[in-house]
């Protein structure tokens, strides 16, 4: 089964059609060409490169701002959980001292 897709950037057919065969005989399956994996790997890496060109990368300012937010939230929740832990620990110690265990 061969499928052809359009390149969304250029609006033209993709450079190579995708061949998805079942590999069960003479139709170009796994055993007919031992090096077919190389063609698939090359095609995959080409598609990855094309997708990476379309990625919108954050600016240095956006990265700095989100990093600061992550650090502040982490410190806040660390202190919050530390206070909860101290409170529960004190409550358990008080309970054990009260009961005499």
PDB file of N, CA and C in Angstrom:
ATOM      1  N   UNK A   1       0.847  -1.170   0.000  1.00  0.00           N
ATOM      2  CA  UNK A   1       0.000   0.000   0.000  1.00  0.00           C
ATOM      3  C   UNK A   1       0.892   1.231   0.000  1.00  0.00           C
ATOM      4  N   UNK A   2       0.814   2.028  -1.010  1.00  0.00           N
ATOM      5  CA  UNK A   2       1.595   3.255  -1.092  1.00  0.00           C
ATOM      6  C   UNK A   2       0.685   4.439  -0.861  1.00  0.00           C
ATOM      7  N   UNK A   3       1.174   5.347  -0.036  1.00  0.00           N
ATOM      8  CA  UNK A   3       0.410   6.563   0.218  1.00  0.00           C
ATOM      9  C   UNK A   3       1.274   7.754  -0.142  1.00  0.00           C
ATOM     10  N   UNK A   4       0.671   8.785  -0.621  1.00  0.00           N
ATOM     11  CA  UNK A   4       1.378  10.004  -0.964  1.00  0.00           C
ATOM     12  C   UNK A   4       0.719  11.144  -0.208  1.00  0.00           C
ATOM     13  N   UNK A   5       1.526  11.949   0.434  1.00  0.00           N
ATOM     14  CA  UNK A   5       0.993  13.066   1.201  1.00  0.00           C
ATOM     15  C   UNK A   5       1.508  14.368   0.612  1.00  0.00           C
ATOM     16  N   UNK A   6       0.811  15.428   0.886  1.00  0.00           N
ATOM     17  CA  UNK A   6       1.232  16.740   0.431  1.00  0.00           C
ATOM     18  C   UNK A   6       2.114  17.380   1.474  1.00  0.00           C
ATOM     19  N   UNK A   7       3.135  18.048   1.022  1.00  0.00           N
ATOM     20  CA  UNK A   7       3.991  18.809   1.904  1.00  0.00           C
ATOM     21  C   UNK A   7       3.239  20.077   2.280  1.00  0.00           C
ATOM     22  N   UNK A   8       2.934  20.280   3.588  1.00  0.00           N
ATOM     23  CA  UNK A   8       2.112  21.430   3.971  1.00  0.00           C
ATOM     24  C   UNK A   8       2.786  22.774   3.716  1.00  0.00           C
ATOM     25  N   UNK A   9       4.105  22.810   3.645  1.00  0.00           N
ATOM     26  CA  UNK A   9       4.792  24.074   3.429  1.00  0.00           C
ATOM     27  C   UNK A   9       4.784  24.448   1.952  1.00  0.00           C
ATOM     28  N   UNK A  10       5.137  23.492   1.090  1.00  0.00           N
ATOM     29  CA  UNK A  10       5.252  23.778  -0.332  1.00  0.00           C
ATOM     30  C   UNK A  10       3.963  23.541  -1.096  1.00  0.00           C
ATOM     31  N   UNK A  11       3.083  22.697  -0.581  1.00  0.00           N
ATOM     32  CA  UNK A  11       1.848  22.380  -1.268  1.00  0.00           C
ATOM     33  C   UNK A  11       2.043  21.415  -2.422  1.00  0.00           C
ATOM     34  N   UNK A  12       3.206  20.779  -2.462  1.00  0.00           N
ATOM     35  CA  UNK A  12       3.501  19.808  -3.505  1.00  0.00           C
ATOM     36  C   UNK A  12       3.545  18.421  -2.886  1.00  0.00           C
ATOM     37  N   UNK A  13       3.464  17.386  -3.708  1.00  0.00           N
ATOM     38  CA  UNK A  13       3.571  16.036  -3.122  1.00  0.00           C
ATOM     39  C   UNK A  13       4.900  15.855  -2.406  1.00  0.00           C
ATOM     40  N   UNK A  14       4.881  15.062  -1.347  1.00  0.00           N
ATOM     41  CA  UNK A  14       6.084  14.798  -0.573  1.00  0.00           C
ATOM     42  C   UNK A  14       7.128  14.150  -1.470  1.00  0.00           C
ATOM     43  N   UNK A  15       8.400  14.282  -1.088  1.00  0.00           N
ATOM     44  CA  UNK A  15       9.477  13.845  -1.953  1.00  0.00           C
ATOM     45  C   UNK A  15       9.462  12.341  -2.204  1.00  0.00           C
ATOM     46  N   UNK A  16       9.060  11.544  -1.225  1.00  0.00           N
ATOM     47  CA  UNK A  16       9.041  10.098  -1.392  1.00  0.00           C
ATOM     48  C   UNK A  16       7.738   9.547  -0.846  1.00  0.00           C
ATOM     49  N   UNK A  17       7.059   8.694  -1.607  1.00  0.00           N
ATOM     50  CA  UNK A  17       5.864   8.058  -1.057  1.00  0.00           C
ATOM     51  C   UNK A  17       6.249   7.047   0.012  1.00  0.00           C
ATOM     52  N   UNK A  18       5.377   6.881   0.971  1.00  0.00           N
ATOM     53  CA  UNK A  18       5.612   5.946   2.068  1.00  0.00           C
ATOM     54  C   UNK A  18       5.154   4.566   1.632  1.00  0.00           C
ATOM     55  N   UNK A  19       6.022   3.568   1.770  1.00  0.00           N
ATOM     56  CA  UNK A  19       5.697   2.197   1.394  1.00  0.00           C
ATOM     57  C   UNK A  19       5.510   1.391   2.667  1.00  0.00           C
ATOM     58  N   UNK A  20       4.281   1.007   2.925  1.00  0.00           N
ATOM     59  CA  UNK A  20       3.992   0.208   4.118  1.00  0.00           C
ATOM     60  C   UNK A  20       3.492  -1.151   3.659  1.00  0.00           C
ATOM     61  N   UNK A  21       4.419  -2.055   3.468  1.00  0.00           N
ATOM     62  CA  UNK A  21       4.036  -3.383   3.013  1.00  0.00           C
ATOM     63  C   UNK A  21       3.994  -4.339   4.185  1.00  0.00           C
ATOM     64  N   UNK A  22       3.257  -5.409   4.007  1.00  0.00           N
ATOM     65  CA  UNK A  22       3.075  -6.370   5.083  1.00  0.00           C
ATOM     66  C   UNK A  22       4.282  -7.265   5.263  1.00  0.00           C
ATOM     67  N   UNK A  23       5.142  -7.383   4.262  1.00  0.00           N
ATOM     68  CA  UNK A  23       6.340  -8.178   4.392  1.00  0.00           C
ATOM     69  C   UNK A  23       6.076  -9.665   4.288  1.00  0.00           C
ATOM     70  N   UNK A  24       5.038 -10.073   3.564  1.00  0.00           N
ATOM     71  CA  UNK A  24       4.681 -11.479   3.527  1.00  0.00           C
ATOM     72  C   UNK A  24       4.906 -12.113   2.162  1.00  0.00           C
ATOM     73  N   UNK A  25       5.674 -11.505   1.291  1.00  0.00           N
ATOM     74  CA  UNK A  25       5.870 -12.138  -0.001  1.00  0.00           C
ATOM     75  C   UNK A  25       6.637 -11.279  -0.969  1.00  0.00           C
ATOM     76  N   UNK A  26       6.202 -11.307  -2.237  1.00  0.00           N
ATOM     77  CA  UNK A  26       6.921 -10.641  -3.310  1.00  0.00           C
ATOM     78  C   UNK A  26       6.563  -9.170  -3.462  1.00  0.00           C
ATOM     79  N   UNK A  27       5.809  -8.622  -2.578  1.00  0.00           N
ATOM     80  CA  UNK A  27       5.346  -7.248  -2.738  1.00  0.00           C
ATOM     81  C   UNK A  27       6.309  -6.214  -2.159  1.00  0.00           C
ATOM     82  N   UNK A  28       7.587  -6.566  -1.984  1.00  0.00           N
ATOM     83  CA  UNK A  28       8.554  -5.609  -1.447  1.00  0.00           C
ATOM     84  C   UNK A  28       8.599  -5.609   0.058  1.00  0.00           C
ATOM     85  N   UNK A  29       8.419  -6.761   0.668  1.00  0.00           N
ATOM     86  CA  UNK A  29       8.397  -6.868   2.114  1.00  0.00           C
ATOM     87  C   UNK A  29       9.791  -6.843   2.717  1.00  0.00           C
ATOM     88  N   UNK A  30       9.888  -7.275   3.934  1.00  0.00           N
ATOM     89  CA  UNK A  30      11.122  -7.225   4.699  1.00  0.00           C
ATOM     90  C   UNK A  30      12.212  -8.074   4.060  1.00  0.00           C
ATOM     91  N   UNK A  31      11.889  -9.232   3.541  1.00  0.00           N
ATOM     92  CA  UNK A  31      12.892 -10.139   3.022  1.00  0.00           C
ATOM     93  C   UNK A  31      13.324  -9.827   1.598  1.00  0.00           C
ATOM     94  N   UNK A  32      12.570  -9.018   0.874  1.00  0.00           N
ATOM     95  CA  UNK A  32      12.930  -8.764  -0.515  1.00  0.00           C
ATOM     96  C   UNK A  32      14.122  -7.816  -0.630  1.00  0.00           C
ATOM     97  N   UNK A  33      14.249  -6.850   0.285  1.00  0.00           N
ATOM     98  CA  UNK A  33      15.390  -5.927   0.272  1.00  0.00           C
ATOM     99  C   UNK A  33      15.933  -5.779   1.677  1.00  0.00           C
ATOM    100  N   UNK A  34      17.069  -6.412   1.965  1.00  0.00           N
ATOM    101  CA  UNK A  34      17.622  -6.341   3.327  1.00  0.00           C
ATOM    102  C   UNK A  34      18.037  -4.936   3.747  1.00  0.00           C
ATOM    103  N   UNK A  35      18.311  -4.059   2.805  1.00  0.00           N
ATOM    104  CA  UNK A  35      18.742  -2.707   3.166  1.00  0.00           C
ATOM    105  C   UNK A  35      17.610  -1.694   3.140  1.00  0.00           C
ATOM    106  N   UNK A  36      16.378  -2.157   3.091  1.00  0.00           N
ATOM    107  CA  UNK A  36      15.240  -1.232   3.055  1.00  0.00           C
ATOM    108  C   UNK A  36      15.168  -0.399   4.325  1.00  0.00           C
ATOM    109  N   UNK A  37      15.712  -0.925   5.421  1.00  0.00           N
ATOM    110  CA  UNK A  37      15.685  -0.162   6.674  1.00  0.00           C
ATOM    111  C   UNK A  37      16.476   1.131   6.528  1.00  0.00           C
ATOM    112  N   UNK A  38      17.525   1.119   5.692  1.00  0.00           N
ATOM    113  CA  UNK A  38      18.332   2.318   5.488  1.00  0.00           C
ATOM    114  C   UNK A  38      17.504   3.407   4.800  1.00  0.00           C
ATOM    115  N   UNK A  39      16.708   3.012   3.820  1.00  0.00           N
ATOM    116  CA  UNK A  39      15.841   3.978   3.138  1.00  0.00           C
ATOM    117  C   UNK A  39      14.796   4.539   4.089  1.00  0.00           C
ATOM    118  N   UNK A  40      14.227   3.669   4.924  1.00  0.00           N
ATOM    119  CA  UNK A  40      13.225   4.129   5.891  1.00  0.00           C
ATOM    120  C   UNK A  40      13.856   5.054   6.921  1.00  0.00           C
ATOM    121  N   UNK A  41      15.072   4.723   7.373  1.00  0.00           N
ATOM    122  CA  UNK A  41      15.757   5.568   8.355  1.00  0.00           C
ATOM    123  C   UNK A  41      16.079   6.926   7.756  1.00  0.00           C
ATOM    124  N   UNK A  42      16.552   6.936   6.511  1.00  0.00           N
ATOM    125  CA  UNK A  42      16.872   8.197   5.844  1.00  0.00           C
ATOM    126  C   UNK A  42      15.611   9.045   5.677  1.00  0.00           C
ATOM    127  N   UNK A  43      14.518   8.401   5.290  1.00  0.00           N
ATOM    128  CA  UNK A  43      13.251   9.111   5.127  1.00  0.00           C
ATOM    129  C   UNK A  43      12.778   9.675   6.466  1.00  0.00           C
ATOM    130  N   UNK A  44      12.892   8.871   7.510  1.00  0.00           N
ATOM    131  CA  UNK A  44      12.476   9.326   8.838  1.00  0.00           C
ATOM    132  C   UNK A  44      13.293  10.536   9.278  1.00  0.00           C
ATOM    133  N   UNK A  45      14.613  10.464   9.128  1.00  0.00           N
ATOM    134  CA  UNK A  45      15.456  11.576   9.546  1.00  0.00           C
ATOM    135  C   UNK A  45      15.188  12.833   8.712  1.00  0.00           C
ATOM    136  N   UNK A  46      14.875  12.648   7.455  1.00  0.00           N
ATOM    137  CA  UNK A  46      14.520  13.794   6.616  1.00  0.00           C
ATOM    138  C   UNK A  46      13.228  14.447   7.109  1.00  0.00           C
ATOM    139  N   UNK A  47      12.243  13.625   7.461  1.00  0.00           N
ATOM    140  CA  UNK A  47      10.988  14.158   7.985  1.00  0.00           C
ATOM    141  C   UNK A  47      11.195  14.848   9.325  1.00  0.00           C
ATOM    142  N   UNK A  48      12.077  14.292  10.162  1.00  0.00           N
ATOM    143  CA  UNK A  48      12.377  14.927  11.447  1.00  0.00           C
ATOM    144  C   UNK A  48      13.001  16.299  11.211  1.00  0.00           C
ATOM    145  N   UNK A  49      13.939  16.375  10.289  1.00  0.00           N
ATOM    146  CA  UNK A  49      14.584  17.659   9.991  1.00  0.00           C
ATOM    147  C   UNK A  49      13.565  18.684   9.495  1.00  0.00           C
ATOM    148  N   UNK A  50      12.643  18.247   8.642  1.00  0.00           N
ATOM    149  CA  UNK A  50      11.613  19.166   8.138  1.00  0.00           C
ATOM    150  C   UNK A  50      10.704  19.644   9.269  1.00  0.00           C
ATOM    151  N   UNK A  51      10.350  18.755  10.174  1.00  0.00           N
ATOM    152  CA  UNK A  51       9.504  19.155  11.308  1.00  0.00           C
ATOM    153  C   UNK A  51      10.246  20.113  12.238  1.00  0.00           C
ATOM    154  N   UNK A  52      11.536  19.871  12.448  1.00  0.00           N
ATOM    155  CA  UNK A  52      12.305  20.747  13.333  1.00  0.00           C
ATOM    156  C   UNK A  52      12.409  22.166  12.768  1.00  0.00           C
ATOM    157  N   UNK A  53      12.336  22.307  11.455  1.00  0.00           N
ATOM    158  CA  UNK A  53      12.361  23.636  10.848  1.00  0.00           C
ATOM    159  C   UNK A  53      11.074  24.399  11.142  1.00  0.00           C
ATOM    160  N   UNK A  54       9.985  23.683  11.406  1.00  0.00           N
ATOM    161  CA  UNK A  54       8.683  24.321  11.654  1.00  0.00           C
ATOM    162  C   UNK A  54       8.452  24.651  13.125  1.00  0.00           C
ATOM    163  N   UNK A  55       9.342  24.210  13.994  1.00  0.00           N
ATOM    164  CA  UNK A  55       9.165  24.427  15.434  1.00  0.00           C
ATOM    165  C   UNK A  55       9.337  25.906  15.753  1.00  0.00           C
ATOM    166  N   UNK A  56       8.467  26.426  16.604  1.00  0.00           N
ATOM    167  CA  UNK A  56       8.605  27.792  17.079  1.00  0.00           C
ATOM    168  C   UNK A  56       9.361  27.748  18.400  1.00  0.00           C
ATOM    169  N   UNK A  57      10.601  28.167  18.363  1.00  0.00           N
ATOM    170  CA  UNK A  57      11.452  28.101  19.538  1.00  0.00           C
ATOM    171  C   UNK A  57      11.195  29.312  20.431  1.00  0.00           C
ATOM    172  N   UNK A  58      11.206  29.126  21.766  1.00  0.00           N
ATOM    173  CA  UNK A  58      10.990  30.263  22.670  1.00  0.00           C
ATOM    174  C   UNK A  58      12.207  31.182  22.672  1.00  0.00           C
ATOM    175  N   UNK A  59      11.942  32.447  22.983  1.00  0.00           N
ATOM    176  CA  UNK A  59      13.039  33.401  23.067  1.00  0.00           C
ATOM    177  C   UNK A  59      13.779  33.206  24.393  1.00  0.00           C
ATOM    178  N   UNK A  60      14.938  33.834  24.499  1.00  0.00           N
ATOM    179  CA  UNK A  60      15.728  33.744  25.732  1.00  0.00           C
ATOM    180  C   UNK A  60      14.928  34.301  26.914  1.00  0.00           C
ATOM    181  N   UNK A  61      14.177  35.356  26.678  1.00  0.00           N
ATOM    182  CA  UNK A  61      13.381  35.979  27.740  1.00  0.00           C
ATOM    183  C   UNK A  61      12.279  35.034  28.236  1.00  0.00           C
ATOM    184  N   UNK A  62      11.609  34.338  27.296  1.00  0.00           N
ATOM    185  CA  UNK A  62      10.563  33.384  27.684  1.00  0.00           C
ATOM    186  C   UNK A  62      11.143  32.219  28.476  1.00  0.00           C
ATOM    187  N   UNK A  63      12.306  31.718  28.056  1.00  0.00           N
ATOM    188  CA  UNK A  63      12.951  30.618  28.775  1.00  0.00           C
ATOM    189  C   UNK A  63      13.331  31.060  30.183  1.00  0.00           C
ATOM    190  N   UNK A  64      13.880  32.259  30.303  1.00  0.00           N
ATOM    191  CA  UNK A  64      14.263  32.784  31.615  1.00  0.00           C
ATOM    192  C   UNK A  64      13.037  32.928  32.517  1.00  0.00           C
ATOM    193  N   UNK A  65      11.950  33.474  31.980  1.00  0.00           N
ATOM    194  CA  UNK A  65      10.744  33.689  32.786  1.00  0.00           C
ATOM    195  C   UNK A  65      10.145  32.366  33.252  1.00  0.00           C
ATOM    196  N   UNK A  66      10.043  31.401  32.372  1.00  0.00           N
ATOM    197  CA  UNK A  66       9.465  30.116  32.788  1.00  0.00           C
ATOM    198  C   UNK A  66      10.380  29.374  33.749  1.00  0.00           C
ATOM    199  N   UNK A  67      11.689  29.520  33.593  1.00  0.00           N
ATOM    200  CA  UNK A  67      12.627  28.894  34.529  1.00  0.00           C
ATOM    201  C   UNK A  67      12.465  29.487  35.925  1.00  0.00           C
ATOM    202  N   UNK A  68      12.334  30.793  36.002  1.00  0.00           N
ATOM    203  CA  UNK A  68      12.140  31.449  37.302  1.00  0.00           C
ATOM    204  C   UNK A  68      10.832  30.979  37.934  1.00  0.00           C
ATOM    205  N   UNK A  69       9.773  30.863  37.148  1.00  0.00           N
ATOM    206  CA  UNK A  69       8.489  30.405  37.677  1.00  0.00           C
ATOM    207  C   UNK A  69       8.614  28.986  38.217  1.00  0.00           C
ATOM    208  N   UNK A  70       9.273  28.106  37.480  1.00  0.00           N
ATOM    209  CA  UNK A  70       9.439  26.714  37.922  1.00  0.00           C
ATOM    210  C   UNK A  70      10.232  26.654  39.221  1.00  0.00           C
ATOM    211  N   UNK A  71      11.303  27.423  39.324  1.00  0.00           N
ATOM    212  CA  UNK A  71      12.117  27.418  40.546  1.00  0.00           C
ATOM    213  C   UNK A  71      11.317  27.947  41.725  1.00  0.00           C
ATOM    214  N   UNK A  72      10.589  29.050  41.540  1.00  0.00           N
ATOM    215  CA  UNK A  72       9.800  29.616  42.639  1.00  0.00           C
ATOM    216  C   UNK A  72       8.688  28.670  43.096  1.00  0.00           C
ATOM    217  N   UNK A  73       8.000  28.052  42.167  1.00  0.00           N
ATOM    218  CA  UNK A  73       6.932  27.114  42.523  1.00  0.00           C
ATOM    219  C   UNK A  73       7.516  25.905  43.248  1.00  0.00           C
ATOM    220  N   UNK A  74       8.671  25.420  42.795  1.00  0.00           N
ATOM    221  CA  UNK A  74       9.319  24.284  43.456  1.00  0.00           C
ATOM    222  C   UNK A  74       9.717  24.628  44.891  1.00  0.00           C
ATOM    223  N   UNK A  75      10.273  25.816  45.088  1.00  0.00           N
ATOM    224  CA  UNK A  75      10.653  26.241  46.445  1.00  0.00           C
ATOM    225  C   UNK A  75       9.411  26.394  47.312  1.00  0.00           C
ATOM    226  N   UNK A  76       8.354  26.997  46.765  1.00  0.00           N
ATOM    227  CA  UNK A  76       7.129  27.180  47.534  1.00  0.00           C
ATOM    228  C   UNK A  76       6.571  25.842  48.002  1.00  0.00           C
ATOM    229  N   UNK A  77       6.429  24.893  47.071  1.00  0.00           N
ATOM    230  CA  UNK A  77       5.863  23.602  47.462  1.00  0.00           C
ATOM    231  C   UNK A  77       6.808  22.807  48.356  1.00  0.00           C
ATOM    232  N   UNK A  78       8.117  22.978  48.179  1.00  0.00           N
ATOM    233  CA  UNK A  78       9.064  22.333  49.085  1.00  0.00           C
ATOM    234  C   UNK A  78       8.888  22.828  50.509  1.00  0.00           C
ATOM    235  N   UNK A  79       8.786  24.149  50.684  1.00  0.00           N
ATOM    236  CA  UNK A  79       8.582  24.721  52.023  1.00  0.00           C
ATOM    237  C   UNK A  79       7.217  24.316  52.572  1.00  0.00           C
ATOM    238  N   UNK A  80       6.195  24.329  51.715  1.00  0.00           N
ATOM    239  CA  UNK A  80       4.847  23.944  52.137  1.00  0.00           C
ATOM    240  C   UNK A  80       4.820  22.499  52.644  1.00  0.00           C
ATOM    241  N   UNK A  81       5.402  21.595  51.890  1.00  0.00           N
ATOM    242  CA  UNK A  81       5.420  20.191  52.324  1.00  0.00           C
ATOM    243  C   UNK A  81       6.289  19.984  53.554  1.00  0.00           C
ATOM    244  N   UNK A  82       7.372  20.775  53.701  1.00  0.00           N
ATOM    245  CA  UNK A  82       8.202  20.690  54.889  1.00  0.00           C
ATOM    246  C   UNK A  82       7.403  21.109  56.134  1.00  0.00           C
ATOM    247  N   UNK A  83       6.613  22.187  56.017  1.00  0.00           N
ATOM    248  CA  UNK A  83       5.782  22.639  57.139  1.00  0.00           C
ATOM    249  C   UNK A  83       4.716  21.590  57.471  1.00  0.00           C
ATOM    250  N   UNK A  84       4.073  21.022  56.464  1.00  0.00           N
ATOM    251  CA  UNK A  84       3.084  19.968  56.700  1.00  0.00           C
ATOM    252  C   UNK A  84       3.735  18.773  57.399  1.00  0.00           C
ATOM    253  N   UNK A  85       4.938  18.394  56.956  1.00  0.00           N
ATOM    254  CA  UNK A  85       5.652  17.271  57.559  1.00  0.00           C
ATOM    255  C   UNK A  85       5.990  17.564  59.018  1.00  0.00           C
ATOM    256  N   UNK A  86       6.461  18.768  59.315  1.00  0.00           N
ATOM    257  CA  UNK A  86       6.769  19.129  60.705  1.00  0.00           C
ATOM    258  C   UNK A  86       5.512  19.099  61.573  1.00  0.00           C
ATOM    259  N   UNK A  87       4.415  19.602  61.035  1.00  0.00           N
ATOM    260  CA  UNK A  87       3.159  19.627  61.782  1.00  0.00           C
ATOM    261  C   UNK A  87       2.681  18.217  62.085  1.00  0.00           C
ATOM    262  N   UNK A  88       2.669  17.358  61.086  1.00  0.00           N
ATOM    263  CA  UNK A  88       2.214  15.984  61.304  1.00  0.00           C
ATOM    264  C   UNK A  88       3.162  15.222  62.227  1.00  0.00           C
ATOM    265  N   UNK A  89       4.458  15.455  62.081  1.00  0.00           N
ATOM    266  CA  UNK A  89       5.433  14.797  62.945  1.00  0.00           C
ATOM    267  C   UNK A  89       5.233  15.224  64.403  1.00  0.00           C
ATOM    268  N   UNK A  90       5.016  16.516  64.623  1.00  0.00           N
ATOM    269  CA  UNK A  90       4.772  17.004  65.990  1.00  0.00           C
ATOM    270  C   UNK A  90       3.483  16.418  66.552  1.00  0.00           C
ATOM    271  N   UNK A  91       2.461  16.320  65.719  1.00  0.00           N
ATOM    272  CA  UNK A  91       1.188  15.761  66.169  1.00  0.00           C
ATOM    273  C   UNK A  91       1.336  14.292  66.544  1.00  0.00           C
ATOM    274  N   UNK A  92       2.085  13.531  65.773  1.00  0.00           N
ATOM    275  CA  UNK A  92       2.287  12.113  66.073  1.00  0.00           C
ATOM    276  C   UNK A  92       3.117  11.963  67.349  1.00  0.00           C
ATOM    277  N   UNK A  93       4.156  12.754  67.507  1.00  0.00           N
ATOM    278  CA  UNK A  93       4.961  12.685  68.735  1.00  0.00           C
ATOM    279  C   UNK A  93       4.141  13.067  69.965  1.00  0.00           C
ATOM    280  N   UNK A  94       3.316  14.092  69.835  1.00  0.00           N
ATOM    281  CA  UNK A  94       2.456  14.497  70.946  1.00  0.00           C
ATOM    282  C   UNK A  94       1.481  13.377  71.294  1.00  0.00           C
ATOM    283  N   UNK A  95       0.904  12.740  70.267  1.00  0.00           N
ATOM    284  CA  UNK A  95      -0.033  11.656  70.482  1.00  0.00           C
ATOM    285  C   UNK A  95       0.646  10.475  71.194  1.00  0.00           C
ATOM    286  N   UNK A  96       1.839  10.107  70.757  1.00  0.00           N
ATOM    287  CA  UNK A  96       2.568   9.001  71.391  1.00  0.00           C
ATOM    288  C   UNK A  96       2.932   9.340  72.824  1.00  0.00           C
ATOM    289  N   UNK A  97       3.325  10.598  73.079  1.00  0.00           N
ATOM    290  CA  UNK A  97       3.651  11.006  74.456  1.00  0.00           C
ATOM    291  C   UNK A  97       2.395  11.002  75.315  1.00  0.00           C
ATOM    292  N   UNK A  98       1.283  11.368  74.761  1.00  0.00           N
ATOM    293  CA  UNK A  98       0.008  11.416  75.508  1.00  0.00           C
ATOM    294  C   UNK A  98      -0.480  10.024  75.851  1.00  0.00           C
ATOM    295  N   UNK A  99      -0.375   9.093  74.889  1.00  0.00           N
ATOM    296  CA  UNK A  99      -0.859   7.735  75.103  1.00  0.00           C
ATOM    297  C   UNK A  99       0.159   6.928  75.879  1.00  0.00           C
ATOM    298  N   UNK A 100       1.415   7.273  75.780  1.00  0.00           N
ATOM    299  CA  UNK A 100       2.458   6.564  76.521  1.00  0.00           C
ATOM    300  C   UNK A 100       3.051   5.407  75.738  1.00  0.00           C
ATOM    301  N   UNK A 101       3.037   5.472  74.449  1.00  0.00           N
ATOM    302  CA  UNK A 101       3.601   4.365  73.651  1.00  0.00           C
ATOM    303  C   UNK A 101       5.041   4.564  73.360  1.00  0.00           C
TER     304      UNK A 101
END
